[in-house]
N, C-alpha and C. Protein backbone atom coordinates (compact mmCIF):
# COMPACT_ATOMS: atom_id res chain seq x y z
N MET A 1 -27.83 -10.13 -50.90
CA MET A 1 -26.40 -10.31 -50.82
C MET A 1 -25.97 -10.80 -49.44
N GLU A 2 -26.57 -10.22 -48.38
CA GLU A 2 -26.19 -10.62 -47.03
C GLU A 2 -26.47 -12.10 -46.79
N SER A 3 -27.57 -12.60 -47.34
CA SER A 3 -27.89 -14.02 -47.14
C SER A 3 -26.86 -14.92 -47.82
N THR A 4 -26.35 -14.51 -48.96
CA THR A 4 -25.30 -15.28 -49.65
C THR A 4 -24.02 -15.29 -48.82
N LEU A 5 -23.62 -14.13 -48.32
CA LEU A 5 -22.40 -14.05 -47.51
C LEU A 5 -22.56 -14.82 -46.21
N ARG A 6 -23.75 -14.75 -45.62
CA ARG A 6 -24.04 -15.52 -44.40
C ARG A 6 -23.87 -17.02 -44.68
N ARG A 7 -24.41 -17.46 -45.80
CA ARG A 7 -24.29 -18.88 -46.18
C ARG A 7 -22.83 -19.26 -46.38
N HIS A 8 -22.03 -18.38 -46.99
CA HIS A 8 -20.60 -18.66 -47.17
C HIS A 8 -19.90 -18.84 -45.82
N LEU A 9 -20.19 -17.94 -44.88
CA LEU A 9 -19.59 -18.04 -43.55
C LEU A 9 -19.99 -19.34 -42.86
N GLU A 10 -21.27 -19.65 -42.90
CA GLU A 10 -21.76 -20.86 -42.23
C GLU A 10 -21.21 -22.12 -42.89
N THR A 11 -21.13 -22.12 -44.20
CA THR A 11 -20.58 -23.28 -44.92
C THR A 11 -19.12 -23.50 -44.55
N CYS A 12 -18.33 -22.44 -44.58
CA CYS A 12 -16.91 -22.56 -44.25
C CYS A 12 -16.72 -23.01 -42.80
N ALA A 13 -17.51 -22.45 -41.91
CA ALA A 13 -17.39 -22.84 -40.50
C ALA A 13 -17.72 -24.32 -40.32
N HIS A 14 -18.79 -24.76 -40.93
CA HIS A 14 -19.21 -26.16 -40.81
C HIS A 14 -18.14 -27.10 -41.40
N GLU A 15 -17.69 -26.79 -42.61
CA GLU A 15 -16.72 -27.66 -43.27
C GLU A 15 -15.36 -27.64 -42.56
N PHE A 16 -14.97 -26.49 -42.04
CA PHE A 16 -13.71 -26.40 -41.31
C PHE A 16 -13.79 -27.22 -40.03
N ALA A 17 -14.90 -27.09 -39.32
CA ALA A 17 -15.09 -27.86 -38.07
C ALA A 17 -15.04 -29.36 -38.36
N LYS A 18 -15.69 -29.76 -39.43
CA LYS A 18 -15.70 -31.18 -39.79
C LYS A 18 -14.29 -31.66 -40.17
N ALA A 19 -13.59 -30.87 -40.97
CA ALA A 19 -12.26 -31.27 -41.44
C ALA A 19 -11.22 -31.30 -40.32
N THR A 20 -11.39 -30.45 -39.33
CA THR A 20 -10.40 -30.36 -38.25
C THR A 20 -10.87 -31.04 -36.96
N GLU A 21 -12.08 -31.58 -36.99
CA GLU A 21 -12.68 -32.24 -35.83
C GLU A 21 -12.69 -31.32 -34.61
N ARG A 22 -13.11 -30.08 -34.85
CA ARG A 22 -13.22 -29.10 -33.77
C ARG A 22 -14.68 -28.74 -33.55
N GLU A 23 -14.98 -28.30 -32.35
CA GLU A 23 -16.32 -27.83 -32.01
C GLU A 23 -16.59 -26.50 -32.73
N ALA A 24 -17.86 -26.24 -33.00
CA ALA A 24 -18.25 -24.99 -33.67
C ALA A 24 -17.79 -23.77 -32.88
N SER A 25 -17.88 -23.84 -31.56
CA SER A 25 -17.47 -22.69 -30.73
C SER A 25 -15.97 -22.44 -30.85
N THR A 26 -15.19 -23.48 -31.00
CA THR A 26 -13.74 -23.33 -31.17
C THR A 26 -13.44 -22.68 -32.51
N VAL A 27 -14.12 -23.13 -33.55
CA VAL A 27 -13.94 -22.54 -34.88
C VAL A 27 -14.33 -21.07 -34.85
N ALA A 28 -15.41 -20.74 -34.18
CA ALA A 28 -15.85 -19.35 -34.08
C ALA A 28 -14.82 -18.50 -33.34
N ARG A 29 -14.29 -19.03 -32.24
CA ARG A 29 -13.29 -18.29 -31.47
C ARG A 29 -12.03 -18.05 -32.30
N LEU A 30 -11.59 -19.07 -33.01
CA LEU A 30 -10.37 -18.94 -33.81
C LEU A 30 -10.56 -18.03 -35.01
N SER A 31 -11.67 -18.17 -35.71
CA SER A 31 -11.87 -17.44 -36.96
C SER A 31 -12.44 -16.05 -36.77
N ALA A 32 -13.31 -15.88 -35.78
CA ALA A 32 -14.00 -14.60 -35.61
C ALA A 32 -13.62 -13.89 -34.31
N GLY A 33 -12.88 -14.57 -33.44
CA GLY A 33 -12.53 -13.97 -32.17
C GLY A 33 -13.70 -13.90 -31.19
N ASP A 34 -14.73 -14.70 -31.45
CA ASP A 34 -15.95 -14.69 -30.63
C ASP A 34 -16.56 -16.08 -30.70
N TRP A 35 -16.54 -16.80 -29.59
CA TRP A 35 -16.99 -18.20 -29.60
C TRP A 35 -18.46 -18.35 -29.94
N ARG A 36 -19.25 -17.29 -29.84
CA ARG A 36 -20.68 -17.37 -30.16
C ARG A 36 -21.02 -16.75 -31.51
N PHE A 37 -20.02 -16.35 -32.28
CA PHE A 37 -20.28 -15.64 -33.53
C PHE A 37 -21.25 -16.40 -34.43
N PHE A 38 -21.01 -17.67 -34.68
CA PHE A 38 -21.86 -18.43 -35.60
C PHE A 38 -23.22 -18.75 -35.00
N ASP A 39 -23.31 -18.84 -33.68
CA ASP A 39 -24.62 -18.97 -33.02
C ASP A 39 -25.44 -17.72 -33.28
N ARG A 40 -24.83 -16.57 -33.08
CA ARG A 40 -25.53 -15.30 -33.30
C ARG A 40 -25.91 -15.14 -34.77
N LEU A 41 -25.01 -15.57 -35.64
CA LEU A 41 -25.28 -15.49 -37.07
C LEU A 41 -26.51 -16.30 -37.44
N SER A 42 -26.62 -17.50 -36.89
CA SER A 42 -27.78 -18.35 -37.19
C SER A 42 -29.07 -17.80 -36.59
N GLU A 43 -28.93 -16.91 -35.59
CA GLU A 43 -30.09 -16.27 -34.97
C GLU A 43 -30.48 -14.98 -35.70
N GLY A 44 -29.74 -14.64 -36.76
CA GLY A 44 -30.09 -13.47 -37.55
C GLY A 44 -29.24 -12.24 -37.32
N ALA A 45 -28.20 -12.34 -36.51
CA ALA A 45 -27.34 -11.19 -36.27
C ALA A 45 -26.69 -10.73 -37.57
N SER A 46 -26.46 -9.44 -37.67
CA SER A 46 -25.79 -8.92 -38.86
C SER A 46 -24.29 -8.88 -38.64
N PHE A 47 -23.57 -8.57 -39.69
CA PHE A 47 -22.11 -8.50 -39.64
C PHE A 47 -21.68 -7.48 -40.68
N THR A 48 -20.48 -6.97 -40.53
CA THR A 48 -19.97 -5.99 -41.49
C THR A 48 -19.22 -6.69 -42.62
N ALA A 49 -19.04 -5.97 -43.69
CA ALA A 49 -18.23 -6.50 -44.81
C ALA A 49 -16.80 -6.72 -44.34
N ARG A 50 -16.32 -5.84 -43.48
CA ARG A 50 -14.96 -5.99 -42.94
C ARG A 50 -14.82 -7.28 -42.14
N LYS A 51 -15.82 -7.59 -41.31
CA LYS A 51 -15.80 -8.82 -40.51
C LYS A 51 -15.85 -10.04 -41.43
N TYR A 52 -16.72 -9.99 -42.44
CA TYR A 52 -16.81 -11.09 -43.40
C TYR A 52 -15.44 -11.33 -44.06
N ASP A 53 -14.83 -10.26 -44.56
CA ASP A 53 -13.53 -10.39 -45.23
C ASP A 53 -12.47 -10.96 -44.29
N ALA A 54 -12.46 -10.50 -43.04
CA ALA A 54 -11.47 -10.98 -42.08
C ALA A 54 -11.65 -12.46 -41.77
N ILE A 55 -12.89 -12.89 -41.58
CA ILE A 55 -13.15 -14.30 -41.27
C ILE A 55 -12.82 -15.18 -42.47
N MET A 56 -13.23 -14.76 -43.66
CA MET A 56 -12.96 -15.56 -44.85
C MET A 56 -11.46 -15.64 -45.12
N ALA A 57 -10.73 -14.55 -44.87
CA ALA A 57 -9.27 -14.58 -45.03
C ALA A 57 -8.66 -15.56 -44.03
N TRP A 58 -9.19 -15.57 -42.79
CA TRP A 58 -8.68 -16.50 -41.79
C TRP A 58 -8.91 -17.94 -42.25
N PHE A 59 -10.13 -18.23 -42.69
CA PHE A 59 -10.41 -19.59 -43.17
C PHE A 59 -9.47 -19.96 -44.31
N SER A 60 -9.28 -19.08 -45.26
CA SER A 60 -8.43 -19.38 -46.40
C SER A 60 -6.99 -19.65 -45.97
N ALA A 61 -6.48 -18.85 -45.03
CA ALA A 61 -5.10 -19.01 -44.57
C ALA A 61 -4.91 -20.27 -43.73
N HIS A 62 -5.96 -20.75 -43.07
CA HIS A 62 -5.84 -21.88 -42.15
C HIS A 62 -6.54 -23.15 -42.64
N TRP A 63 -7.02 -23.13 -43.87
CA TRP A 63 -7.75 -24.29 -44.38
C TRP A 63 -6.83 -25.51 -44.44
N PRO A 64 -7.29 -26.66 -43.95
CA PRO A 64 -6.45 -27.86 -43.99
C PRO A 64 -6.09 -28.26 -45.42
N ALA A 65 -4.85 -28.59 -45.63
CA ALA A 65 -4.37 -28.93 -46.97
C ALA A 65 -5.07 -30.15 -47.55
N ASP A 66 -5.50 -31.05 -46.68
CA ASP A 66 -6.14 -32.28 -47.16
C ASP A 66 -7.66 -32.16 -47.28
N ALA A 67 -8.20 -30.97 -47.10
CA ALA A 67 -9.66 -30.77 -47.21
C ALA A 67 -9.96 -29.86 -48.39
N ALA A 68 -11.01 -30.18 -49.12
CA ALA A 68 -11.41 -29.36 -50.26
C ALA A 68 -12.14 -28.11 -49.77
N TRP A 69 -11.80 -26.97 -50.35
CA TRP A 69 -12.53 -25.73 -50.06
C TRP A 69 -13.94 -25.89 -50.63
N PRO A 70 -14.97 -25.42 -49.96
CA PRO A 70 -16.35 -25.57 -50.46
C PRO A 70 -16.50 -24.99 -51.87
N ALA A 71 -17.01 -25.79 -52.77
CA ALA A 71 -17.09 -25.43 -54.19
C ALA A 71 -17.96 -24.20 -54.45
N ASP A 72 -18.97 -23.98 -53.64
CA ASP A 72 -19.89 -22.87 -53.89
C ASP A 72 -19.50 -21.59 -53.14
N VAL A 73 -18.30 -21.56 -52.57
CA VAL A 73 -17.83 -20.39 -51.83
C VAL A 73 -16.56 -19.86 -52.50
N PRO A 74 -16.58 -18.60 -52.95
CA PRO A 74 -15.35 -18.05 -53.54
C PRO A 74 -14.25 -17.96 -52.48
N ARG A 75 -13.07 -18.44 -52.83
CA ARG A 75 -11.97 -18.41 -51.87
C ARG A 75 -11.17 -17.12 -52.05
N PRO A 76 -10.98 -16.37 -50.98
CA PRO A 76 -10.24 -15.12 -51.10
C PRO A 76 -8.74 -15.36 -51.22
N PHE A 77 -8.08 -14.43 -51.85
CA PHE A 77 -6.62 -14.44 -51.89
C PHE A 77 -6.13 -14.00 -50.52
N VAL A 78 -5.12 -14.65 -50.01
CA VAL A 78 -4.58 -14.29 -48.69
C VAL A 78 -3.11 -13.95 -48.86
N SER A 79 -2.75 -12.74 -48.44
CA SER A 79 -1.34 -12.36 -48.46
C SER A 79 -0.72 -12.73 -47.12
N ALA A 80 0.56 -12.58 -47.00
CA ALA A 80 1.26 -12.91 -45.75
C ALA A 80 0.75 -12.06 -44.60
N ASN A 81 0.26 -10.86 -44.87
CA ASN A 81 -0.23 -9.97 -43.82
C ASN A 81 -1.63 -10.33 -43.34
N ASP A 82 -2.34 -11.21 -44.06
CA ASP A 82 -3.71 -11.56 -43.71
C ASP A 82 -3.79 -12.76 -42.78
N ASP A 83 -2.69 -13.21 -42.25
CA ASP A 83 -2.67 -14.43 -41.45
C ASP A 83 -3.07 -14.22 -39.99
N ALA A 84 -3.35 -13.00 -39.60
CA ALA A 84 -3.73 -12.72 -38.21
C ALA A 84 -5.14 -13.22 -37.94
N PRO A 85 -5.43 -13.57 -36.70
CA PRO A 85 -6.80 -13.96 -36.36
C PRO A 85 -7.77 -12.83 -36.67
N ALA A 86 -8.98 -13.17 -36.98
CA ALA A 86 -9.99 -12.18 -37.36
C ALA A 86 -10.18 -11.13 -36.28
N SER A 87 -10.04 -11.52 -35.03
CA SER A 87 -10.23 -10.56 -33.94
C SER A 87 -9.17 -9.46 -33.98
N GLU A 88 -7.99 -9.76 -34.51
CA GLU A 88 -6.95 -8.76 -34.62
C GLU A 88 -7.09 -7.98 -35.91
N ALA A 89 -7.67 -8.58 -36.93
CA ALA A 89 -7.77 -7.93 -38.23
C ALA A 89 -8.99 -7.04 -38.34
N ALA A 90 -10.01 -7.27 -37.49
CA ALA A 90 -11.26 -6.49 -37.61
C ALA A 90 -11.25 -5.28 -36.72
């Protein structure tokens, strides 16, 4: 299960960076509150379910309207209260 969730995070980060023309470190800082989060993730670092939910909610709330959400990643429902950066939500 962790490998699937890891893949979802990495896919969203990559696609978001591409769609917004931002560096990976910027996407990590904005979505996870840690500019090295995705570097550490690719090195095998673990993460909590709470962190996963917070980051995915951030991506969903900030996804560019003109970009398609990755087809193989379930998109979470985001309420008005979920719009805070992941660093504040986790």
